[in-house]
Each structure stands twice: as structure tokens, then as C-alpha cells.
């Protein structure tokens, strides 16, 4: 599987420049006190990894990989592992930069706020991953992008509609006792989401013909 991971990383090396540019933009905007764009960087790491699916399709990699021992299983597993590695490496770099920018601007570091913000970003990025990858394996990259676009705007529309007509304060009060365990609960949810997403993708890929 290590070879599969190296292949995915090698295929997206040309996109590392984009992440580097975004890091520079984030530093400049952070030092200027402009909008915080730290959440964009982990999300972009997923988008960059998604581009590897297009490379796989163009080079007919999937047809070749299934001829290898445990090729179908390792191909899917490597894609998830490589993506998660990208997310966490970019997130750690962003976290360290956030500490630096906070200290330069205020001579203090609000560890709790920055860590919680980054944790939420990583969770949201993993959520995108868990939805997108099974759809990509099922329908391909192009159709998946359209599907995700419609799903995201559909969710935003539904949430916006409910926010206008439904009072969620009762829900916040009923769940207040879980505050002390929020991080642990979200970690468990994230692990389960990624696991089930991986199993679904693997099942789809096992049945796919090339």
C-alpha cells in the first residue's frame, strides 16, 4: 500500500505550489488583520487530492491497479490515507502559522480559540471527504463535482429555511450537558464517518469493471 500512497503524492506534487501560495496569502492577510482564511487551506488539500482521481482516469491507473495483489483494496485505502495525511500536515502548518500571526499581532496567543477553530476546520474537511469519495468512486470526478455542488447548496438552503422558521434553542439547552465531551464526541464521529466512507468506497470499487 505504501507504493500506492507514494503514487498519489507524486501525482499531485505540481499542485503543492498552490498550497504554498495560499500559505503566503494567509500569512499576509493575517498580519494585515484581514479575514481569516485558515479554513481554506485544509479544504484545498482535499480538493488537490481529488485531482488525483482525474490523473488516475487519464492514465488508466485503476485498470492497472486491479491486476496487482489486493489492488482494489489498497488503491482505495491509499487514497484515504494519503488524503488524511495531507489534511493533517496542512492543518498543522496552518496551526503553527496561526500561533505565529496571533503572537505578532497581539503579543499573546489564544491557544483555546485557535485550536478549537482548527479542530472544527479539520472536522468539516473530513466531512467533505466522507461524502465526496464514495460519490467519486461511484460516478467519477466530473459527475461527483456536480452532485456535491447540488448537495452543498441543497443543505445550505434547507438549513437557511429551517433557521428562519424553527427555534433550535431547546436543542442547544438539551445538549448543553455534552459540552465537556464535545471534542471527544466529534473525534469519535469523525473516525466513524471516515471508516464507513472508506468501506462504502471499497465496496463500490470492488464491484467496478474497467
C-alpha atoms as a PDB file:
ATOM      1  CA  UNK A   1       0.000   0.000   0.000  1.00  0.00           C
ATOM      2  CA  UNK A   2       2.971   2.314   0.603  1.00  0.00           C
ATOM      3  CA  UNK A   3       3.625   2.329  -3.134  1.00  0.00           C
ATOM      4  CA  UNK A   4       0.029   3.409  -3.800  1.00  0.00           C
ATOM      5  CA  UNK A   5       0.370   6.285  -1.315  1.00  0.00           C
ATOM      6  CA  UNK A   6       3.646   7.418  -2.891  1.00  0.00           C
ATOM      7  CA  UNK A   7       1.972   7.321  -6.287  1.00  0.00           C
ATOM      8  CA  UNK A   8      -0.872   9.584  -5.132  1.00  0.00           C
ATOM      9  CA  UNK A   9       1.519  12.068  -3.516  1.00  0.00           C
ATOM     10  CA  UNK A  10       3.783  12.096  -6.578  1.00  0.00           C
ATOM     11  CA  UNK A  11       0.839  12.765  -8.894  1.00  0.00           C
ATOM     12  CA  UNK A  12      -0.196  15.930  -7.052  1.00  0.00           C
ATOM     13  CA  UNK A  13       3.270  17.419  -6.470  1.00  0.00           C
ATOM     14  CA  UNK A  14       2.658  20.055  -9.111  1.00  0.00           C
ATOM     15  CA  UNK A  15      -0.256  21.338  -7.000  1.00  0.00           C
ATOM     16  CA  UNK A  16       1.917  21.930  -3.933  1.00  0.00           C
ATOM     17  CA  UNK A  17       2.773  25.358  -5.377  1.00  0.00           C
ATOM     18  CA  UNK A  18      -0.887  26.329  -4.993  1.00  0.00           C
ATOM     19  CA  UNK A  19      -0.830  25.398  -1.311  1.00  0.00           C
ATOM     20  CA  UNK A  20       2.398  27.370  -0.914  1.00  0.00           C
ATOM     21  CA  UNK A  21       0.805  30.441  -2.494  1.00  0.00           C
ATOM     22  CA  UNK A  22      -2.254  30.097  -0.242  1.00  0.00           C
ATOM     23  CA  UNK A  23       0.012  29.842   2.805  1.00  0.00           C
ATOM     24  CA  UNK A  24       1.729  33.091   1.802  1.00  0.00           C
ATOM     25  CA  UNK A  25      -1.648  34.783   1.205  1.00  0.00           C
ATOM     26  CA  UNK A  26      -2.846  33.571   4.607  1.00  0.00           C
ATOM     27  CA  UNK A  27       0.248  34.969   6.333  1.00  0.00           C
ATOM     28  CA  UNK A  28      -0.081  38.354   4.600  1.00  0.00           C
ATOM     29  CA  UNK A  29      -3.823  38.650   5.301  1.00  0.00           C
ATOM     30  CA  UNK A  30      -3.323  37.501   8.893  1.00  0.00           C
ATOM     31  CA  UNK A  31      -0.620  40.080   9.546  1.00  0.00           C
ATOM     32  CA  UNK A  32      -2.797  42.773   7.980  1.00  0.00           C
ATOM     33  CA  UNK A  33      -5.706  41.772  10.217  1.00  0.00           C
ATOM     34  CA  UNK A  34      -7.909  40.865   7.277  1.00  0.00           C
ATOM     35  CA  UNK A  35     -10.343  37.937   7.041  1.00  0.00           C
ATOM     36  CA  UNK A  36      -9.126  34.621   8.455  1.00  0.00           C
ATOM     37  CA  UNK A  37      -8.736  32.158   5.587  1.00  0.00           C
ATOM     38  CA  UNK A  38      -7.088  29.373   7.579  1.00  0.00           C
ATOM     39  CA  UNK A  39     -10.097  27.125   6.974  1.00  0.00           C
ATOM     40  CA  UNK A  40      -9.472  27.231   3.215  1.00  0.00           C
ATOM     41  CA  UNK A  41      -6.072  25.520   3.390  1.00  0.00           C
ATOM     42  CA  UNK A  42      -7.157  22.069   4.720  1.00  0.00           C
ATOM     43  CA  UNK A  43     -10.171  22.169   2.401  1.00  0.00           C
ATOM     44  CA  UNK A  44      -7.892  22.868  -0.560  1.00  0.00           C
ATOM     45  CA  UNK A  45      -5.774  19.840   0.377  1.00  0.00           C
ATOM     46  CA  UNK A  46      -8.849  17.665  -0.211  1.00  0.00           C
ATOM     47  CA  UNK A  47      -9.584  19.406  -3.490  1.00  0.00           C
ATOM     48  CA  UNK A  48      -5.998  18.782  -4.599  1.00  0.00           C
ATOM     49  CA  UNK A  49      -6.249  15.101  -3.667  1.00  0.00           C
ATOM     50  CA  UNK A  50      -9.472  14.860  -5.647  1.00  0.00           C
ATOM     51  CA  UNK A  51      -7.495  15.925  -8.711  1.00  0.00           C
ATOM     52  CA  UNK A  52      -5.541  12.644  -8.367  1.00  0.00           C
ATOM     53  CA  UNK A  53      -8.716  10.814  -9.410  1.00  0.00           C
ATOM     54  CA  UNK A  54      -8.575  12.650 -12.732  1.00  0.00           C
ATOM     55  CA  UNK A  55      -4.928  11.663 -13.162  1.00  0.00           C
ATOM     56  CA  UNK A  56      -5.833   8.050 -12.381  1.00  0.00           C
ATOM     57  CA  UNK A  57      -8.565   8.108 -15.005  1.00  0.00           C
ATOM     58  CA  UNK A  58      -6.373   9.766 -17.637  1.00  0.00           C
ATOM     59  CA  UNK A  59      -3.521   7.287 -17.118  1.00  0.00           C
ATOM     60  CA  UNK A  60      -5.891   4.315 -16.776  1.00  0.00           C
ATOM     61  CA  UNK A  61      -4.370   3.579 -13.389  1.00  0.00           C
ATOM     62  CA  UNK A  62      -7.428   1.815 -11.983  1.00  0.00           C
ATOM     63  CA  UNK A  63      -7.389  -0.802 -14.734  1.00  0.00           C
ATOM     64  CA  UNK A  64      -3.737  -1.481 -13.914  1.00  0.00           C
ATOM     65  CA  UNK A  65      -4.122  -1.430 -10.122  1.00  0.00           C
ATOM     66  CA  UNK A  66      -6.737  -4.179 -10.063  1.00  0.00           C
ATOM     67  CA  UNK A  67      -4.205  -6.551 -11.629  1.00  0.00           C
ATOM     68  CA  UNK A  68      -1.970  -6.189  -8.562  1.00  0.00           C
ATOM     69  CA  UNK A  69      -2.270  -8.204  -5.372  1.00  0.00           C
ATOM     70  CA  UNK A  70      -5.054  -6.643  -3.271  1.00  0.00           C
ATOM     71  CA  UNK A  71      -5.005  -3.847  -5.827  1.00  0.00           C
ATOM     72  CA  UNK A  72      -8.624  -2.777  -5.393  1.00  0.00           C
ATOM     73  CA  UNK A  73      -8.421  -2.690  -1.599  1.00  0.00           C
ATOM     74  CA  UNK A  74      -5.022  -0.988  -1.444  1.00  0.00           C
ATOM     75  CA  UNK A  75      -5.931   1.569  -4.089  1.00  0.00           C
ATOM     76  CA  UNK A  76      -8.909   2.828  -2.077  1.00  0.00           C
ATOM     77  CA  UNK A  77      -7.127   2.601   1.273  1.00  0.00           C
ATOM     78  CA  UNK A  78      -4.115   4.521  -0.056  1.00  0.00           C
ATOM     79  CA  UNK A  79      -6.357   7.287  -1.396  1.00  0.00           C
ATOM     80  CA  UNK A  80      -7.937   7.788   2.028  1.00  0.00           C
ATOM     81  CA  UNK A  81      -4.628   7.556   3.904  1.00  0.00           C
ATOM     82  CA  UNK A  82      -2.888   9.997   1.540  1.00  0.00           C
ATOM     83  CA  UNK A  83      -5.780  12.467   1.813  1.00  0.00           C
ATOM     84  CA  UNK A  84      -5.906  12.312   5.605  1.00  0.00           C
ATOM     85  CA  UNK A  85      -2.124  12.797   5.764  1.00  0.00           C
ATOM     86  CA  UNK A  86      -2.451  15.856   3.526  1.00  0.00           C
ATOM     87  CA  UNK A  87      -5.233  17.289   5.679  1.00  0.00           C
ATOM     88  CA  UNK A  88      -3.285  16.897   8.914  1.00  0.00           C
ATOM     89  CA  UNK A  89       0.059  18.121   7.532  1.00  0.00           C
ATOM     90  CA  UNK A  90      -1.575  21.246   6.076  1.00  0.00           C
ATOM     91  CA  UNK A  91      -3.628  21.730   9.256  1.00  0.00           C
ATOM     92  CA  UNK A  92      -0.544  21.525  11.496  1.00  0.00           C
ATOM     93  CA  UNK A  93       1.292  24.028   9.272  1.00  0.00           C
ATOM     94  CA  UNK A  94      -1.737  26.328   9.396  1.00  0.00           C
ATOM     95  CA  UNK A  95      -1.995  25.925  13.173  1.00  0.00           C
ATOM     96  CA  UNK A  96       1.638  26.912  13.707  1.00  0.00           C
ATOM     97  CA  UNK A  97       1.230  29.888  11.390  1.00  0.00           C
ATOM     98  CA  UNK A  98      -1.908  30.924  13.295  1.00  0.00           C
ATOM     99  CA  UNK A  99       0.061  30.902  16.554  1.00  0.00           C
ATOM    100  CA  UNK A 100       2.784  32.998  14.936  1.00  0.00           C
ATOM    101  CA  UNK A 101       0.364  35.527  13.430  1.00  0.00           C
ATOM    102  CA  UNK A 102      -1.540  35.822  16.717  1.00  0.00           C
ATOM    103  CA  UNK A 103       1.661  36.491  18.640  1.00  0.00           C
ATOM    104  CA  UNK A 104       2.962  39.064  16.130  1.00  0.00           C
ATOM    105  CA  UNK A 105      -0.357  40.928  16.073  1.00  0.00           C
ATOM    106  CA  UNK A 106      -1.244  40.820  19.781  1.00  0.00           C
ATOM    107  CA  UNK A 107       1.895  39.609  21.617  1.00  0.00           C
ATOM    108  CA  UNK A 108      -0.307  36.833  23.017  1.00  0.00           C
ATOM    109  CA  UNK A 109      -1.568  33.509  21.703  1.00  0.00           C
ATOM    110  CA  UNK A 110      -5.182  32.485  22.233  1.00  0.00           C
ATOM    111  CA  UNK A 111      -4.472  28.758  22.180  1.00  0.00           C
ATOM    112  CA  UNK A 112      -8.001  27.659  23.018  1.00  0.00           C
ATOM    113  CA  UNK A 113      -9.687  29.699  20.295  1.00  0.00           C
ATOM    114  CA  UNK A 114      -7.152  28.801  17.596  1.00  0.00           C
ATOM    115  CA  UNK A 115      -7.140  25.089  18.484  1.00  0.00           C
ATOM    116  CA  UNK A 116     -10.939  24.910  18.580  1.00  0.00           C
ATOM    117  CA  UNK A 117     -11.206  26.753  15.256  1.00  0.00           C
ATOM    118  CA  UNK A 118      -8.681  24.424  13.627  1.00  0.00           C
ATOM    119  CA  UNK A 119     -10.388  21.378  15.110  1.00  0.00           C
ATOM    120  CA  UNK A 120     -13.676  22.488  13.574  1.00  0.00           C
ATOM    121  CA  UNK A 121     -11.933  23.039  10.242  1.00  0.00           C
ATOM    122  CA  UNK A 122     -10.412  19.541  10.264  1.00  0.00           C
ATOM    123  CA  UNK A 123     -13.774  18.019  11.207  1.00  0.00           C
ATOM    124  CA  UNK A 124     -15.555  19.884   8.403  1.00  0.00           C
ATOM    125  CA  UNK A 125     -12.868  18.886   5.901  1.00  0.00           C
ATOM    126  CA  UNK A 126     -13.159  15.220   6.896  1.00  0.00           C
ATOM    127  CA  UNK A 127     -16.921  15.550   6.489  1.00  0.00           C
ATOM    128  CA  UNK A 128     -16.402  16.723   2.904  1.00  0.00           C
ATOM    129  CA  UNK A 129     -14.048  13.786   2.321  1.00  0.00           C
ATOM    130  CA  UNK A 130     -16.516  11.215   3.639  1.00  0.00           C
ATOM    131  CA  UNK A 131     -19.260  12.448   1.318  1.00  0.00           C
ATOM    132  CA  UNK A 132     -17.210  13.057  -1.811  1.00  0.00           C
ATOM    133  CA  UNK A 133     -15.085   9.944  -2.127  1.00  0.00           C
ATOM    134  CA  UNK A 134     -17.879   7.338  -2.342  1.00  0.00           C
ATOM    135  CA  UNK A 135     -19.659   9.535  -4.897  1.00  0.00           C
ATOM    136  CA  UNK A 136     -16.451   9.881  -6.931  1.00  0.00           C
ATOM    137  CA  UNK A 137     -15.866   6.130  -6.904  1.00  0.00           C
ATOM    138  CA  UNK A 138     -19.452   5.567  -7.989  1.00  0.00           C
ATOM    139  CA  UNK A 139     -19.938   8.238 -10.650  1.00  0.00           C
ATOM    140  CA  UNK A 140     -16.481   9.648 -11.480  1.00  0.00           C
ATOM    141  CA  UNK A 141     -14.934  13.026 -10.703  1.00  0.00           C
ATOM    142  CA  UNK A 142     -16.926  15.249 -13.051  1.00  0.00           C
ATOM    143  CA  UNK A 143     -20.365  13.945 -12.103  1.00  0.00           C
ATOM    144  CA  UNK A 144     -19.355  13.913  -8.438  1.00  0.00           C
ATOM    145  CA  UNK A 145     -18.426  17.606  -8.538  1.00  0.00           C
ATOM    146  CA  UNK A 146     -21.856  18.490  -9.889  1.00  0.00           C
ATOM    147  CA  UNK A 147     -23.509  16.246  -7.317  1.00  0.00           C
ATOM    148  CA  UNK A 148     -21.568  17.716  -4.414  1.00  0.00           C
ATOM    149  CA  UNK A 149     -22.318  21.241  -5.652  1.00  0.00           C
ATOM    150  CA  UNK A 150     -26.048  20.465  -5.631  1.00  0.00           C
ATOM    151  CA  UNK A 151     -25.881  18.696  -2.264  1.00  0.00           C
ATOM    152  CA  UNK A 152     -23.986  21.540  -0.582  1.00  0.00           C
ATOM    153  CA  UNK A 153     -26.344  24.210  -1.866  1.00  0.00           C
ATOM    154  CA  UNK A 154     -29.297  21.987  -1.007  1.00  0.00           C
ATOM    155  CA  UNK A 155     -28.074  21.605   2.580  1.00  0.00           C
ATOM    156  CA  UNK A 156     -27.375  25.346   2.859  1.00  0.00           C
ATOM    157  CA  UNK A 157     -30.854  26.084   1.518  1.00  0.00           C
ATOM    158  CA  UNK A 158     -32.565  23.685   3.927  1.00  0.00           C
ATOM    159  CA  UNK A 159     -30.571  24.958   6.920  1.00  0.00           C
ATOM    160  CA  UNK A 160     -31.306  28.551   5.940  1.00  0.00           C
ATOM    161  CA  UNK A 161     -35.024  27.777   5.627  1.00  0.00           C
ATOM    162  CA  UNK A 162     -35.168  25.955   8.971  1.00  0.00           C
ATOM    163  CA  UNK A 163     -33.199  28.712  10.703  1.00  0.00           C
ATOM    164  CA  UNK A 164     -35.949  31.175   9.795  1.00  0.00           C
ATOM    165  CA  UNK A 165     -38.888  29.113  10.996  1.00  0.00           C
ATOM    166  CA  UNK A 166     -37.564  26.710  13.666  1.00  0.00           C
ATOM    167  CA  UNK A 167     -36.330  27.634  17.137  1.00  0.00           C
ATOM    168  CA  UNK A 168     -33.286  25.466  17.900  1.00  0.00           C
ATOM    169  CA  UNK A 169     -32.665  26.934  21.353  1.00  0.00           C
ATOM    170  CA  UNK A 170     -34.326  23.929  23.001  1.00  0.00           C
ATOM    171  CA  UNK A 171     -31.830  21.646  21.265  1.00  0.00           C
ATOM    172  CA  UNK A 172     -28.864  23.684  22.485  1.00  0.00           C
ATOM    173  CA  UNK A 173     -30.157  23.508  26.052  1.00  0.00           C
ATOM    174  CA  UNK A 174     -30.811  19.780  25.911  1.00  0.00           C
ATOM    175  CA  UNK A 175     -27.293  19.104  24.637  1.00  0.00           C
ATOM    176  CA  UNK A 176     -25.516  21.510  26.990  1.00  0.00           C
ATOM    177  CA  UNK A 177     -24.522  18.644  29.288  1.00  0.00           C
ATOM    178  CA  UNK A 178     -22.348  17.260  26.478  1.00  0.00           C
ATOM    179  CA  UNK A 179     -20.115  20.367  26.313  1.00  0.00           C
ATOM    180  CA  UNK A 180     -17.340  18.812  28.361  1.00  0.00           C
ATOM    181  CA  UNK A 181     -17.192  15.855  26.000  1.00  0.00           C
ATOM    182  CA  UNK A 182     -17.705  17.715  22.723  1.00  0.00           C
ATOM    183  CA  UNK A 183     -14.176  17.208  21.369  1.00  0.00           C
ATOM    184  CA  UNK A 184     -14.169  13.502  22.225  1.00  0.00           C
ATOM    185  CA  UNK A 185     -17.607  13.024  20.660  1.00  0.00           C
ATOM    186  CA  UNK A 186     -16.572  14.806  17.457  1.00  0.00           C
ATOM    187  CA  UNK A 187     -13.351  12.741  17.251  1.00  0.00           C
ATOM    188  CA  UNK A 188     -15.365   9.521  17.542  1.00  0.00           C
ATOM    189  CA  UNK A 189     -17.877  10.762  14.957  1.00  0.00           C
ATOM    190  CA  UNK A 190     -15.050  11.735  12.567  1.00  0.00           C
ATOM    191  CA  UNK A 191     -13.391   8.319  12.884  1.00  0.00           C
ATOM    192  CA  UNK A 192     -16.693   6.530  12.264  1.00  0.00           C
ATOM    193  CA  UNK A 193     -17.515   8.776   9.293  1.00  0.00           C
ATOM    194  CA  UNK A 194     -14.165   8.119   7.625  1.00  0.00           C
ATOM    195  CA  UNK A 195     -14.345   4.388   8.348  1.00  0.00           C
ATOM    196  CA  UNK A 196     -17.822   3.919   6.884  1.00  0.00           C
ATOM    197  CA  UNK A 197     -16.986   6.166   3.922  1.00  0.00           C
ATOM    198  CA  UNK A 198     -13.910   4.021   3.238  1.00  0.00           C
ATOM    199  CA  UNK A 199     -15.888   0.777   3.460  1.00  0.00           C
ATOM    200  CA  UNK A 200     -18.540   2.127   1.077  1.00  0.00           C
ATOM    201  CA  UNK A 201     -15.881   3.300  -1.403  1.00  0.00           C
ATOM    202  CA  UNK A 202     -14.090  -0.043  -1.174  1.00  0.00           C
ATOM    203  CA  UNK A 203     -17.328  -1.932  -1.824  1.00  0.00           C
ATOM    204  CA  UNK A 204     -18.104   0.258  -4.842  1.00  0.00           C
ATOM    205  CA  UNK A 205     -14.579  -0.125  -6.251  1.00  0.00           C
ATOM    206  CA  UNK A 206     -14.593  -3.913  -5.783  1.00  0.00           C
ATOM    207  CA  UNK A 207     -17.660  -4.192  -7.996  1.00  0.00           C
ATOM    208  CA  UNK A 208     -16.478  -1.713 -10.624  1.00  0.00           C
ATOM    209  CA  UNK A 209     -15.432  -3.005 -14.025  1.00  0.00           C
ATOM    210  CA  UNK A 210     -12.719  -1.465 -16.202  1.00  0.00           C
END
